[in-house]
Amino acid sequence: MIPGDAGFRRSSRHPHGFGADASLGEALQALVPTFKMCALQAMRDVLKMPVVAGPGWVPLPEFSLTVEMGAACGFTNAGWQCQCLVATEARMHGALRPDLEAEIWVDGLGEAANTICGMLQSREEFQTAFGNLLQTPPVGLLNGNFRFRDWTVAGPVVASSVGTAFFAFGVRHQSAADSVQETKSV
């Protein structure tokens, strides 16, 4: 269970997971250690952040987060649409890299999201669950809301006294109509 003060909100659409694909939630639960390891390593390597995993890394049938500074990368194949989000509080940016403009910090968060996606792709357990996914460039987010309307693994990444970063990975089955639309637009 994610603590109430972690910045996450349970879905109003599926408050207890009813009506959601529970098998996808179970598959994500099995991958929580992989998500955690990739998120921590990317935050340490790309952003040079001294982080540890916070409590509450769990799959949720829907997820939303108010984002002060963040970036998201999408990746997809014929069966899945996925999104990887990395977000921080503005005070973390100021404490760790006050020399960088906000847009440059958000760019760095995009590189961290991009790295997490690549690291996930290299893991056999992730490949077994989702196959090979094509990645999109990161998109920056400043002072907004981010919402996954499908299954998500989310968890806080804590950088000692300077603040909390958040990682989220959302996934849904790609519908046949989505696949046809993508084929037409290419």
C-alpha atoms as a PDB file:
ATOM      1  CA  MET A   1       0.000   0.000   0.000  1.00  0.00           C
ATOM      2  CA  ILE A   2       1.339   3.417  -0.931  1.00  0.00           C
ATOM      3  CA  PRO A   3       1.344   5.793   2.042  1.00  0.00           C
ATOM      4  CA  GLY A   4      -1.157   8.637   1.806  1.00  0.00           C
ATOM      5  CA  ASP A   5       1.592  11.255   1.941  1.00  0.00           C
ATOM      6  CA  ALA A   6       3.595   9.798  -0.975  1.00  0.00           C
ATOM      7  CA  GLY A   7       1.918  12.014  -3.573  1.00  0.00           C
ATOM      8  CA  PHE A   8      -0.016   9.222  -5.272  1.00  0.00           C
ATOM      9  CA  ARG A   9      -3.773   8.957  -5.700  1.00  0.00           C
ATOM     10  CA  ARG A  10      -5.777   5.785  -6.033  1.00  0.00           C
ATOM     11  CA  SER A  11      -8.105   5.544  -8.969  1.00  0.00           C
ATOM     12  CA  SER A  12     -11.699   6.566  -8.667  1.00  0.00           C
ATOM     13  CA  ARG A  13     -12.426   4.320 -11.655  1.00  0.00           C
ATOM     14  CA  HIS A  14     -10.954   1.178 -10.041  1.00  0.00           C
ATOM     15  CA  PRO A  15     -10.484   2.027  -6.325  1.00  0.00           C
ATOM     16  CA  HIS A  16      -9.847  -1.608  -5.371  1.00  0.00           C
ATOM     17  CA  GLY A  17      -8.810  -3.012  -8.723  1.00  0.00           C
ATOM     18  CA  PHE A  18     -12.282  -4.253  -9.634  1.00  0.00           C
ATOM     19  CA  GLY A  19     -12.955  -4.030 -13.354  1.00  0.00           C
ATOM     20  CA  ALA A  20      -9.235  -3.933 -14.122  1.00  0.00           C
ATOM     21  CA  ASP A  21      -7.157  -6.754 -15.629  1.00  0.00           C
ATOM     22  CA  ALA A  22      -5.879  -8.312 -12.392  1.00  0.00           C
ATOM     23  CA  SER A  23      -3.439 -10.581 -14.243  1.00  0.00           C
ATOM     24  CA  LEU A  24      -1.600  -7.504 -15.520  1.00  0.00           C
ATOM     25  CA  GLY A  25      -1.344  -6.222 -11.958  1.00  0.00           C
ATOM     26  CA  GLU A  26       0.128  -9.578 -10.910  1.00  0.00           C
ATOM     27  CA  ALA A  27       2.657  -9.466 -13.767  1.00  0.00           C
ATOM     28  CA  LEU A  28       3.702  -5.957 -12.738  1.00  0.00           C
ATOM     29  CA  GLN A  29       4.008  -7.048  -9.102  1.00  0.00           C
ATOM     30  CA  ALA A  30       6.514  -9.709 -10.163  1.00  0.00           C
ATOM     31  CA  LEU A  31       8.532  -6.996 -11.952  1.00  0.00           C
ATOM     32  CA  VAL A  32       8.622  -4.505  -9.038  1.00  0.00           C
ATOM     33  CA  PRO A  33      12.234  -5.427  -8.110  1.00  0.00           C
ATOM     34  CA  THR A  34      13.286  -4.872 -11.740  1.00  0.00           C
ATOM     35  CA  PHE A  35      11.534  -1.486 -11.951  1.00  0.00           C
ATOM     36  CA  LYS A  36      13.075  -0.433  -8.639  1.00  0.00           C
ATOM     37  CA  MET A  37      16.592  -1.497  -9.645  1.00  0.00           C
ATOM     38  CA  CYS A  38      16.420   0.242 -13.058  1.00  0.00           C
ATOM     39  CA  ALA A  39      14.949   3.459 -11.629  1.00  0.00           C
ATOM     40  CA  LEU A  40      17.563   3.697  -8.869  1.00  0.00           C
ATOM     41  CA  GLN A  41      20.469   2.939 -11.200  1.00  0.00           C
ATOM     42  CA  ALA A  42      19.344   5.496 -13.806  1.00  0.00           C
ATOM     43  CA  MET A  43      18.803   8.208 -11.200  1.00  0.00           C
ATOM     44  CA  ARG A  44      22.260   7.537  -9.748  1.00  0.00           C
ATOM     45  CA  ASP A  45      24.086   7.247 -13.088  1.00  0.00           C
ATOM     46  CA  VAL A  46      22.343   9.882 -15.227  1.00  0.00           C
ATOM     47  CA  LEU A  47      21.416  12.514 -12.645  1.00  0.00           C
ATOM     48  CA  LYS A  48      24.156  11.712 -10.116  1.00  0.00           C
ATOM     49  CA  MET A  49      21.500  11.615  -7.402  1.00  0.00           C
ATOM     50  CA  PRO A  50      22.262   9.827  -4.110  1.00  0.00           C
ATOM     51  CA  VAL A  51      18.964   7.917  -3.909  1.00  0.00           C
ATOM     52  CA  VAL A  52      17.370   4.970  -2.150  1.00  0.00           C
ATOM     53  CA  ALA A  53      13.977   3.400  -2.801  1.00  0.00           C
ATOM     54  CA  GLY A  54      11.193   4.747  -0.642  1.00  0.00           C
ATOM     55  CA  PRO A  55       8.261   2.670   0.627  1.00  0.00           C
ATOM     56  CA  GLY A  56       5.192   1.792  -1.386  1.00  0.00           C
ATOM     57  CA  TRP A  57       6.321   0.341  -4.733  1.00  0.00           C
ATOM     58  CA  VAL A  58       3.104  -1.384  -5.800  1.00  0.00           C
ATOM     59  CA  PRO A  59       1.008  -1.894  -8.929  1.00  0.00           C
ATOM     60  CA  LEU A  60      -2.145   0.226  -9.084  1.00  0.00           C
ATOM     61  CA  PRO A  61      -5.013  -0.112 -11.598  1.00  0.00           C
ATOM     62  CA  GLU A  62      -4.809   3.657 -12.229  1.00  0.00           C
ATOM     63  CA  PHE A  63      -2.380   6.358 -11.130  1.00  0.00           C
ATOM     64  CA  SER A  64      -2.060  10.145 -11.085  1.00  0.00           C
ATOM     65  CA  LEU A  65       0.589  12.492  -9.776  1.00  0.00           C
ATOM     66  CA  THR A  66       0.955  16.254  -9.600  1.00  0.00           C
ATOM     67  CA  VAL A  67       4.280  16.905 -11.292  1.00  0.00           C
ATOM     68  CA  GLU A  68       6.427  19.938 -10.495  1.00  0.00           C
ATOM     69  CA  MET A  69       9.264  18.833 -12.802  1.00  0.00           C
ATOM     70  CA  GLY A  70       9.308  15.630 -14.817  1.00  0.00           C
ATOM     71  CA  ALA A  71       9.625  13.807 -18.100  1.00  0.00           C
ATOM     72  CA  ALA A  72       7.986  10.806 -19.692  1.00  0.00           C
ATOM     73  CA  CYS A  73       9.015   8.365 -22.426  1.00  0.00           C
ATOM     74  CA  GLY A  74       6.584   6.160 -24.275  1.00  0.00           C
ATOM     75  CA  PHE A  75       7.277   2.790 -25.751  1.00  0.00           C
ATOM     76  CA  THR A  76       5.081   0.428 -27.696  1.00  0.00           C
ATOM     77  CA  ASN A  77       4.731  -2.687 -29.824  1.00  0.00           C
ATOM     78  CA  ALA A  78       1.777  -4.493 -31.415  1.00  0.00           C
ATOM     79  CA  GLY A  79       0.566  -5.739 -28.013  1.00  0.00           C
ATOM     80  CA  TRP A  80       1.450  -3.019 -25.500  1.00  0.00           C
ATOM     81  CA  GLN A  81       1.500   0.721 -24.934  1.00  0.00           C
ATOM     82  CA  CYS A  82       3.758   1.787 -22.077  1.00  0.00           C
ATOM     83  CA  GLN A  83       4.860   5.025 -20.440  1.00  0.00           C
ATOM     84  CA  CYS A  84       7.775   5.676 -18.089  1.00  0.00           C
ATOM     85  CA  LEU A  85       7.680   8.782 -15.890  1.00  0.00           C
ATOM     86  CA  VAL A  86      10.427  10.350 -13.777  1.00  0.00           C
ATOM     87  CA  ALA A  87       9.466  13.396 -11.692  1.00  0.00           C
ATOM     88  CA  THR A  88      11.005  15.463  -8.914  1.00  0.00           C
ATOM     89  CA  GLU A  89       9.982  18.193  -6.573  1.00  0.00           C
ATOM     90  CA  ALA A  90      11.289  21.622  -7.571  1.00  0.00           C
ATOM     91  CA  ARG A  91      13.222  21.856  -4.297  1.00  0.00           C
ATOM     92  CA  MET A  92      15.264  18.786  -5.323  1.00  0.00           C
ATOM     93  CA  HIS A  93      16.377  20.575  -8.484  1.00  0.00           C
ATOM     94  CA  GLY A  94      17.406  23.608  -6.428  1.00  0.00           C
ATOM     95  CA  ALA A  95      19.254  21.528  -3.836  1.00  0.00           C
ATOM     96  CA  LEU A  96      21.122  19.218  -6.211  1.00  0.00           C
ATOM     97  CA  ARG A  97      21.777  21.391  -9.274  1.00  0.00           C
ATOM     98  CA  PRO A  98      21.011  25.073  -8.652  1.00  0.00           C
ATOM     99  CA  ASP A  99      23.377  25.898 -11.527  1.00  0.00           C
ATOM    100  CA  LEU A 100      20.973  24.409 -14.093  1.00  0.00           C
ATOM    101  CA  GLU A 101      17.924  26.129 -15.549  1.00  0.00           C
ATOM    102  CA  ALA A 102      14.635  24.282 -14.981  1.00  0.00           C
ATOM    103  CA  GLU A 103      14.405  23.216 -18.634  1.00  0.00           C
ATOM    104  CA  ILE A 104      17.878  21.642 -18.496  1.00  0.00           C
ATOM    105  CA  TRP A 105      16.943  19.775 -15.301  1.00  0.00           C
ATOM    106  CA  VAL A 106      13.777  18.497 -17.005  1.00  0.00           C
ATOM    107  CA  ASP A 107      15.939  17.431 -19.976  1.00  0.00           C
ATOM    108  CA  GLY A 108      18.035  15.414 -17.523  1.00  0.00           C
ATOM    109  CA  LEU A 109      14.895  13.792 -16.143  1.00  0.00           C
ATOM    110  CA  GLY A 110      14.007  12.874 -19.736  1.00  0.00           C
ATOM    111  CA  GLU A 111      17.396  11.225 -20.149  1.00  0.00           C
ATOM    112  CA  ALA A 112      16.803   9.308 -16.912  1.00  0.00           C
ATOM    113  CA  ALA A 113      13.394   8.118 -18.202  1.00  0.00           C
ATOM    114  CA  ASN A 114      15.001   7.185 -21.515  1.00  0.00           C
ATOM    115  CA  THR A 115      17.749   5.259 -19.691  1.00  0.00           C
ATOM    116  CA  ILE A 116      15.208   3.426 -17.520  1.00  0.00           C
ATOM    117  CA  CYS A 117      13.338   2.332 -20.659  1.00  0.00           C
ATOM    118  CA  GLY A 118      16.574   1.041 -22.189  1.00  0.00           C
ATOM    119  CA  MET A 119      17.564  -0.755 -19.006  1.00  0.00           C
ATOM    120  CA  LEU A 120      14.137  -2.396 -18.763  1.00  0.00           C
ATOM    121  CA  GLN A 121      14.443  -3.544 -22.385  1.00  0.00           C
ATOM    122  CA  SER A 122      17.739  -5.260 -21.565  1.00  0.00           C
ATOM    123  CA  ARG A 123      16.217  -7.325 -18.752  1.00  0.00           C
ATOM    124  CA  GLU A 124      15.090 -10.842 -19.662  1.00  0.00           C
ATOM    125  CA  GLU A 125      12.150 -10.788 -17.238  1.00  0.00           C
ATOM    126  CA  PHE A 126      10.840  -7.566 -18.828  1.00  0.00           C
ATOM    127  CA  GLN A 127      11.324  -8.938 -22.366  1.00  0.00           C
ATOM    128  CA  THR A 128       9.425 -12.087 -21.386  1.00  0.00           C
ATOM    129  CA  ALA A 129       6.490 -10.016 -20.131  1.00  0.00           C
ATOM    130  CA  PHE A 130       6.317  -7.305 -22.840  1.00  0.00           C
ATOM    131  CA  GLY A 131       8.620  -8.239 -25.727  1.00  0.00           C
ATOM    132  CA  ASN A 132      10.659  -5.710 -27.679  1.00  0.00           C
ATOM    133  CA  LEU A 133       9.216  -2.195 -27.507  1.00  0.00           C
ATOM    134  CA  LEU A 134       9.954   0.822 -29.714  1.00  0.00           C
ATOM    135  CA  GLN A 135      10.791   3.927 -27.702  1.00  0.00           C
ATOM    136  CA  THR A 136       9.712   7.538 -28.245  1.00  0.00           C
ATOM    137  CA  PRO A 137      11.743  10.633 -27.338  1.00  0.00           C
ATOM    138  CA  PRO A 138      11.111  12.012 -23.835  1.00  0.00           C
ATOM    139  CA  VAL A 139       8.541  14.754 -23.255  1.00  0.00           C
ATOM    140  CA  GLY A 140       9.165  17.288 -20.469  1.00  0.00           C
ATOM    141  CA  LEU A 141       6.563  18.229 -17.866  1.00  0.00           C
ATOM    142  CA  LEU A 142       6.499  21.363 -15.714  1.00  0.00           C
ATOM    143  CA  ASN A 143       3.815  22.093 -13.094  1.00  0.00           C
ATOM    144  CA  GLY A 144       1.084  19.807 -14.272  1.00  0.00           C
ATOM    145  CA  ASN A 145      -0.729  16.557 -13.663  1.00  0.00           C
ATOM    146  CA  PHE A 146       0.225  13.195 -15.048  1.00  0.00           C
ATOM    147  CA  ARG A 147      -2.335  10.422 -15.236  1.00  0.00           C
ATOM    148  CA  PHE A 148      -2.094   6.775 -16.243  1.00  0.00           C
ATOM    149  CA  ARG A 149      -5.554   5.358 -16.876  1.00  0.00           C
ATOM    150  CA  ASP A 150      -4.313   1.776 -16.735  1.00  0.00           C
ATOM    151  CA  TRP A 151      -2.077  -0.452 -14.620  1.00  0.00           C
ATOM    152  CA  THR A 152       0.961   1.306 -13.180  1.00  0.00           C
ATOM    153  CA  VAL A 153       3.869   0.467 -10.902  1.00  0.00           C
ATOM    154  CA  ALA A 154       4.850   3.565  -8.968  1.00  0.00           C
ATOM    155  CA  GLY A 155       7.258   4.325  -6.185  1.00  0.00           C
ATOM    156  CA  PRO A 156       9.184   7.115  -4.509  1.00  0.00           C
ATOM    157  CA  VAL A 157      12.944   7.493  -4.828  1.00  0.00           C
ATOM    158  CA  VAL A 158      14.324   9.416  -1.860  1.00  0.00           C
ATOM    159  CA  ALA A 159      17.446  11.600  -2.000  1.00  0.00           C
ATOM    160  CA  SER A 160      18.196  12.021   1.730  1.00  0.00           C
ATOM    161  CA  SER A 161      17.163  15.463   2.939  1.00  0.00           C
ATOM    162  CA  VAL A 162      16.853  17.163  -0.476  1.00  0.00           C
ATOM    163  CA  GLY A 163      13.525  15.673  -1.533  1.00  0.00           C
ATOM    164  CA  THR A 164      11.729  12.874  -3.292  1.00  0.00           C
ATOM    165  CA  ALA A 165      11.684  11.828  -6.908  1.00  0.00           C
ATOM    166  CA  PHE A 166       8.976   9.582  -8.306  1.00  0.00           C
ATOM    167  CA  PHE A 167       9.071   6.786 -10.834  1.00  0.00           C
ATOM    168  CA  ALA A 168       6.034   5.340 -12.576  1.00  0.00           C
ATOM    169  CA  PHE A 169       5.627   2.772 -15.340  1.00  0.00           C
ATOM    170  CA  GLY A 170       2.162   2.518 -16.884  1.00  0.00           C
ATOM    171  CA  VAL A 171       1.062  -0.164 -19.329  1.00  0.00           C
ATOM    172  CA  ARG A 172      -2.043  -1.191 -21.209  1.00  0.00           C
ATOM    173  CA  HIS A 173      -2.947  -3.698 -23.857  1.00  0.00           C
ATOM    174  CA  GLN A 174      -2.788  -2.139 -27.304  1.00  0.00           C
ATOM    175  CA  SER A 175      -6.139  -2.522 -29.051  1.00  0.00           C
ATOM    176  CA  ALA A 176      -6.434  -3.653 -32.652  1.00  0.00           C
ATOM    177  CA  ALA A 177      -7.793  -0.180 -33.536  1.00  0.00           C
ATOM    178  CA  ASP A 178      -4.649   1.442 -32.061  1.00  0.00           C
ATOM    179  CA  SER A 179      -2.433  -0.855 -34.134  1.00  0.00           C
ATOM    180  CA  VAL A 180      -4.370  -0.087 -37.323  1.00  0.00           C
ATOM    181  CA  GLN A 181      -4.186   3.661 -36.643  1.00  0.00           C
ATOM    182  CA  GLU A 182      -0.427   3.487 -36.099  1.00  0.00           C
ATOM    183  CA  THR A 183       0.031   1.543 -39.320  1.00  0.00           C
ATOM    184  CA  LYS A 184      -1.964   4.127 -41.283  1.00  0.00           C
ATOM    185  CA  SER A 185      -0.055   7.075 -39.864  1.00  0.00           C
ATOM    186  CA  VAL A 186       3.396   5.695 -40.699  1.00  0.00           C
END
